[in-house]
Amino acid sequence: MAIHAVNEKDVKTAKSGRGYTKWLHVTKDEAGPEMMIRHWGPDTDIPVHSHPFHEMFFVLEGEIEIGGTTYPAGSCIYIEKGTPYGPTRAPKGGKVLRYAEARPGK
């Protein structure tokens, strides 16, 4: 058993056409849960998709839309593994904390 801490200065930012993401997992080679902070701009438009793991979103700022339902800041969304969801949008921009149940190690 171990306790791991991630310092903000150690968190790398990945940019994409959807905004940017800060990955909060310990190392890219370790298996286990992952967390990320996602900053989505108004142009975010992620098509319907699913994952082979459970995931949770906590809306920190702004609001996001999933499948036409709007979730404002303070909302927590739980998606069971294998459940198709989307499209995901952030018409006014949004910041979410995403937790994924498991990630395979390399």
N, C-alpha and C. Protein backbone atom coordinates (compact mmCIF):
# COMPACT_ATOMS: atom_id res chain seq x y z
N MET A 1 0.85 -1.18 0.00
CA MET A 1 0.00 0.00 0.00
C MET A 1 0.89 1.23 0.00
N ALA A 2 0.40 2.25 -0.64
CA ALA A 2 1.16 3.48 -0.72
C ALA A 2 0.21 4.65 -0.85
N ILE A 3 0.70 5.79 -0.45
CA ILE A 3 -0.04 7.04 -0.64
C ILE A 3 0.77 7.86 -1.62
N HIS A 4 0.12 8.33 -2.67
CA HIS A 4 0.79 9.13 -3.68
C HIS A 4 0.18 10.53 -3.68
N ALA A 5 1.00 11.53 -3.87
CA ALA A 5 0.52 12.90 -4.00
C ALA A 5 1.00 13.46 -5.32
N VAL A 6 0.18 14.27 -5.94
CA VAL A 6 0.54 14.91 -7.20
C VAL A 6 0.56 16.40 -6.96
N ASN A 7 1.70 17.02 -7.21
CA ASN A 7 1.81 18.47 -7.06
C ASN A 7 1.40 19.15 -8.35
N GLU A 8 0.75 20.29 -8.25
CA GLU A 8 0.30 21.03 -9.42
C GLU A 8 1.44 21.30 -10.39
N LYS A 9 2.63 21.61 -9.88
CA LYS A 9 3.76 21.91 -10.76
C LYS A 9 4.19 20.69 -11.57
N ASP A 10 3.85 19.48 -11.10
CA ASP A 10 4.22 18.26 -11.80
C ASP A 10 3.17 17.81 -12.82
N VAL A 11 2.04 18.50 -12.84
CA VAL A 11 0.95 18.11 -13.72
C VAL A 11 1.17 18.70 -15.10
N LYS A 12 1.20 17.83 -16.09
CA LYS A 12 1.40 18.29 -17.47
C LYS A 12 0.06 18.62 -18.09
N THR A 13 0.07 19.60 -18.97
CA THR A 13 -1.13 20.03 -19.65
C THR A 13 -1.10 19.53 -21.09
N ALA A 14 -2.18 18.89 -21.51
CA ALA A 14 -2.31 18.42 -22.89
C ALA A 14 -3.35 19.28 -23.58
N LYS A 15 -2.99 19.86 -24.71
CA LYS A 15 -3.93 20.71 -25.44
C LYS A 15 -4.58 19.90 -26.55
N SER A 16 -5.82 20.25 -26.85
CA SER A 16 -6.53 19.62 -27.96
C SER A 16 -7.50 20.64 -28.52
N GLY A 17 -8.20 20.29 -29.56
CA GLY A 17 -9.20 21.17 -30.14
C GLY A 17 -10.38 21.38 -29.21
N ARG A 18 -10.44 20.60 -28.15
CA ARG A 18 -11.55 20.69 -27.20
C ARG A 18 -11.20 21.51 -25.97
N GLY A 19 -10.07 22.14 -25.92
CA GLY A 19 -9.63 22.84 -24.72
C GLY A 19 -8.34 22.21 -24.26
N TYR A 20 -8.19 22.00 -22.96
CA TYR A 20 -6.99 21.33 -22.48
C TYR A 20 -7.30 20.49 -21.26
N THR A 21 -6.39 19.57 -20.98
CA THR A 21 -6.58 18.59 -19.91
C THR A 21 -5.35 18.56 -19.03
N LYS A 22 -5.55 18.49 -17.72
CA LYS A 22 -4.46 18.26 -16.77
C LYS A 22 -4.67 16.87 -16.19
N TRP A 23 -3.73 15.95 -16.48
CA TRP A 23 -3.82 14.58 -15.98
C TRP A 23 -3.29 14.53 -14.56
N LEU A 24 -4.01 13.88 -13.66
CA LEU A 24 -3.63 13.83 -12.25
C LEU A 24 -3.28 12.42 -11.78
N HIS A 25 -2.90 11.52 -12.68
CA HIS A 25 -2.50 10.18 -12.24
C HIS A 25 -1.03 10.19 -11.85
N VAL A 26 -0.62 9.16 -11.15
CA VAL A 26 0.73 9.14 -10.60
C VAL A 26 1.79 9.01 -11.69
N THR A 27 1.74 7.97 -12.50
CA THR A 27 2.63 7.86 -13.65
C THR A 27 1.87 7.24 -14.80
N LYS A 28 2.32 7.48 -16.01
CA LYS A 28 1.61 6.95 -17.17
C LYS A 28 1.71 5.43 -17.28
N ASP A 29 2.65 4.82 -16.59
CA ASP A 29 2.85 3.38 -16.70
C ASP A 29 2.11 2.56 -15.64
N GLU A 30 1.54 3.22 -14.65
CA GLU A 30 0.85 2.49 -13.59
C GLU A 30 -0.60 2.20 -13.96
N ALA A 31 -1.06 1.03 -13.60
CA ALA A 31 -2.47 0.70 -13.77
C ALA A 31 -3.24 1.27 -12.59
N GLY A 32 -4.50 1.52 -12.79
CA GLY A 32 -5.33 1.99 -11.70
C GLY A 32 -6.19 3.15 -12.10
N PRO A 33 -6.85 3.76 -11.14
CA PRO A 33 -7.75 4.86 -11.45
C PRO A 33 -6.99 6.09 -11.94
N GLU A 34 -7.70 6.94 -12.65
CA GLU A 34 -7.08 8.19 -13.11
C GLU A 34 -8.04 9.34 -12.86
N MET A 35 -7.46 10.50 -12.71
CA MET A 35 -8.25 11.72 -12.58
C MET A 35 -7.66 12.75 -13.52
N MET A 36 -8.51 13.64 -13.97
CA MET A 36 -8.03 14.73 -14.81
C MET A 36 -8.94 15.93 -14.63
N ILE A 37 -8.37 17.09 -14.83
CA ILE A 37 -9.15 18.32 -14.87
C ILE A 37 -9.25 18.70 -16.34
N ARG A 38 -10.46 18.82 -16.84
CA ARG A 38 -10.66 19.16 -18.25
C ARG A 38 -11.27 20.55 -18.35
N HIS A 39 -10.65 21.36 -19.17
CA HIS A 39 -11.15 22.71 -19.47
C HIS A 39 -11.71 22.66 -20.88
N TRP A 40 -13.02 22.80 -21.03
CA TRP A 40 -13.64 22.72 -22.33
C TRP A 40 -14.11 24.10 -22.77
N GLY A 41 -13.79 24.46 -23.99
CA GLY A 41 -14.24 25.72 -24.56
C GLY A 41 -15.59 25.56 -25.24
N PRO A 42 -16.16 26.69 -25.71
CA PRO A 42 -17.47 26.66 -26.36
C PRO A 42 -17.51 25.79 -27.62
N ASP A 43 -16.36 25.48 -28.20
CA ASP A 43 -16.32 24.66 -29.42
C ASP A 43 -16.27 23.16 -29.11
N THR A 44 -16.32 22.78 -27.85
CA THR A 44 -16.28 21.36 -27.48
C THR A 44 -17.49 20.63 -28.04
N ASP A 45 -17.26 19.55 -28.73
CA ASP A 45 -18.34 18.73 -29.28
C ASP A 45 -17.82 17.30 -29.40
N ILE A 46 -18.02 16.51 -28.35
CA ILE A 46 -17.52 15.13 -28.31
C ILE A 46 -18.68 14.20 -28.67
N PRO A 47 -18.52 13.39 -29.71
CA PRO A 47 -19.63 12.53 -30.15
C PRO A 47 -19.98 11.44 -29.13
N VAL A 48 -21.11 10.82 -29.35
CA VAL A 48 -21.55 9.70 -28.50
C VAL A 48 -20.47 8.62 -28.50
N HIS A 49 -20.15 8.12 -27.31
CA HIS A 49 -19.13 7.08 -27.17
C HIS A 49 -19.35 6.36 -25.84
N SER A 50 -18.56 5.34 -25.58
CA SER A 50 -18.62 4.63 -24.30
C SER A 50 -17.21 4.20 -23.92
N HIS A 51 -17.07 3.75 -22.67
CA HIS A 51 -15.77 3.28 -22.17
C HIS A 51 -15.96 1.95 -21.45
N PRO A 52 -14.92 1.12 -21.37
CA PRO A 52 -15.02 -0.17 -20.66
C PRO A 52 -14.76 -0.02 -19.16
N PHE A 53 -15.02 1.17 -18.62
CA PHE A 53 -14.83 1.43 -17.19
C PHE A 53 -15.85 2.47 -16.75
N HIS A 54 -16.13 2.49 -15.44
CA HIS A 54 -17.01 3.51 -14.86
C HIS A 54 -16.27 4.84 -14.85
N GLU A 55 -17.02 5.93 -14.97
CA GLU A 55 -16.40 7.24 -14.82
C GLU A 55 -17.36 8.22 -14.18
N MET A 56 -16.79 9.27 -13.60
CA MET A 56 -17.55 10.30 -12.92
C MET A 56 -17.02 11.65 -13.34
N PHE A 57 -17.94 12.59 -13.49
CA PHE A 57 -17.57 13.98 -13.77
C PHE A 57 -18.12 14.84 -12.65
N PHE A 58 -17.32 15.78 -12.16
CA PHE A 58 -17.80 16.78 -11.22
C PHE A 58 -17.57 18.13 -11.90
N VAL A 59 -18.64 18.88 -12.14
CA VAL A 59 -18.54 20.15 -12.84
C VAL A 59 -18.04 21.21 -11.85
N LEU A 60 -16.85 21.72 -12.10
CA LEU A 60 -16.22 22.71 -11.22
C LEU A 60 -16.63 24.13 -11.56
N GLU A 61 -16.68 24.44 -12.85
CA GLU A 61 -17.02 25.80 -13.31
C GLU A 61 -17.84 25.70 -14.59
N GLY A 62 -18.65 26.71 -14.84
CA GLY A 62 -19.44 26.75 -16.06
C GLY A 62 -20.49 25.67 -16.06
N GLU A 63 -20.75 25.11 -17.23
CA GLU A 63 -21.71 24.03 -17.34
C GLU A 63 -21.37 23.17 -18.54
N ILE A 64 -21.82 21.92 -18.49
CA ILE A 64 -21.63 21.02 -19.63
C ILE A 64 -22.98 20.41 -19.99
N GLU A 65 -23.08 19.96 -21.22
CA GLU A 65 -24.27 19.26 -21.68
C GLU A 65 -23.86 17.86 -22.10
N ILE A 66 -24.63 16.88 -21.66
CA ILE A 66 -24.43 15.50 -22.10
C ILE A 66 -25.78 15.00 -22.58
N GLY A 67 -25.84 14.64 -23.85
CA GLY A 67 -27.09 14.12 -24.41
C GLY A 67 -28.26 15.09 -24.30
N GLY A 68 -27.98 16.39 -24.36
CA GLY A 68 -29.05 17.39 -24.31
C GLY A 68 -29.43 17.84 -22.90
N THR A 69 -28.89 17.22 -21.86
CA THR A 69 -29.15 17.64 -20.48
C THR A 69 -28.02 18.53 -20.01
N THR A 70 -28.36 19.67 -19.42
CA THR A 70 -27.36 20.63 -18.94
C THR A 70 -27.05 20.37 -17.47
N TYR A 71 -25.75 20.34 -17.15
CA TYR A 71 -25.28 20.14 -15.79
C TYR A 71 -24.47 21.36 -15.37
N PRO A 72 -24.96 22.17 -14.42
CA PRO A 72 -24.23 23.35 -13.97
C PRO A 72 -23.13 23.00 -12.97
N ALA A 73 -22.33 24.00 -12.62
CA ALA A 73 -21.28 23.83 -11.61
C ALA A 73 -21.89 23.22 -10.35
N GLY A 74 -21.19 22.26 -9.77
CA GLY A 74 -21.66 21.56 -8.58
C GLY A 74 -22.30 20.22 -8.89
N SER A 75 -22.58 19.96 -10.17
CA SER A 75 -23.20 18.70 -10.57
C SER A 75 -22.18 17.57 -10.57
N CYS A 76 -22.64 16.37 -10.22
CA CYS A 76 -21.82 15.17 -10.29
C CYS A 76 -22.54 14.18 -11.19
N ILE A 77 -21.86 13.69 -12.22
CA ILE A 77 -22.45 12.77 -13.19
C ILE A 77 -21.69 11.45 -13.12
N TYR A 78 -22.42 10.36 -12.93
CA TYR A 78 -21.82 9.02 -12.88
C TYR A 78 -22.27 8.26 -14.12
N ILE A 79 -21.32 7.68 -14.85
CA ILE A 79 -21.63 6.93 -16.06
C ILE A 79 -21.09 5.50 -15.89
N GLU A 80 -21.99 4.53 -15.95
CA GLU A 80 -21.58 3.13 -15.81
C GLU A 80 -20.81 2.66 -17.04
N LYS A 81 -19.87 1.75 -16.82
CA LYS A 81 -19.07 1.23 -17.93
C LYS A 81 -19.98 0.65 -19.00
N GLY A 82 -19.57 0.86 -20.26
CA GLY A 82 -20.32 0.35 -21.39
C GLY A 82 -21.54 1.17 -21.78
N THR A 83 -21.84 2.24 -21.04
CA THR A 83 -23.00 3.07 -21.34
C THR A 83 -22.66 4.12 -22.39
N PRO A 84 -23.30 4.09 -23.55
CA PRO A 84 -23.06 5.14 -24.54
C PRO A 84 -23.60 6.48 -24.01
N TYR A 85 -22.83 7.53 -24.15
CA TYR A 85 -23.30 8.85 -23.73
C TYR A 85 -22.76 9.92 -24.66
N GLY A 86 -23.43 11.06 -24.66
CA GLY A 86 -23.05 12.16 -25.52
C GLY A 86 -24.22 12.55 -26.41
N PRO A 87 -24.03 13.47 -27.29
CA PRO A 87 -22.80 14.24 -27.43
C PRO A 87 -22.56 15.09 -26.19
N THR A 88 -21.29 15.39 -25.94
CA THR A 88 -20.88 16.21 -24.80
C THR A 88 -20.44 17.56 -25.32
N ARG A 89 -21.02 18.61 -24.75
CA ARG A 89 -20.72 19.98 -25.20
C ARG A 89 -20.57 20.90 -23.99
N ALA A 90 -19.96 22.05 -24.24
CA ALA A 90 -19.82 23.09 -23.21
C ALA A 90 -20.04 24.43 -23.90
N PRO A 91 -21.30 24.78 -24.25
CA PRO A 91 -21.58 25.97 -25.05
C PRO A 91 -21.01 27.27 -24.48
N LYS A 92 -20.92 27.37 -23.16
CA LYS A 92 -20.37 28.58 -22.53
C LYS A 92 -19.00 28.31 -21.92
N GLY A 93 -18.46 27.13 -22.16
CA GLY A 93 -17.20 26.73 -21.54
C GLY A 93 -17.47 26.04 -20.22
N GLY A 94 -16.58 25.17 -19.83
CA GLY A 94 -16.75 24.46 -18.57
C GLY A 94 -15.46 23.82 -18.11
N LYS A 95 -15.39 23.58 -16.82
CA LYS A 95 -14.22 22.94 -16.21
C LYS A 95 -14.74 21.79 -15.37
N VAL A 96 -14.25 20.57 -15.64
CA VAL A 96 -14.72 19.39 -14.92
C VAL A 96 -13.55 18.59 -14.35
N LEU A 97 -13.81 17.93 -13.25
CA LEU A 97 -12.88 16.95 -12.69
C LEU A 97 -13.45 15.60 -13.09
N ARG A 98 -12.65 14.81 -13.80
CA ARG A 98 -13.10 13.49 -14.28
C ARG A 98 -12.33 12.40 -13.54
N TYR A 99 -13.06 11.42 -13.05
CA TYR A 99 -12.47 10.26 -12.40
C TYR A 99 -12.85 9.04 -13.22
N ALA A 100 -11.87 8.24 -13.60
CA ALA A 100 -12.12 6.99 -14.33
C ALA A 100 -11.71 5.83 -13.44
N GLU A 101 -12.55 4.82 -13.38
CA GLU A 101 -12.35 3.69 -12.47
C GLU A 101 -11.01 3.00 -12.65
N ALA A 102 -10.61 2.73 -13.86
CA ALA A 102 -9.38 1.97 -14.06
C ALA A 102 -8.74 2.30 -15.39
N ARG A 103 -7.46 2.15 -15.42
CA ARG A 103 -6.68 2.39 -16.63
C ARG A 103 -5.63 1.30 -16.68
N PRO A 104 -5.47 0.65 -17.84
CA PRO A 104 -4.46 -0.41 -17.92
C PRO A 104 -3.04 0.15 -17.84
N GLY A 105 -2.16 -0.56 -17.18
CA GLY A 105 -0.76 -0.16 -17.14
C GLY A 105 -0.06 -0.57 -18.42
N LYS A 106 1.12 -0.05 -18.64
CA LYS A 106 1.88 -0.38 -19.85
C LYS A 106 2.96 -1.37 -19.53
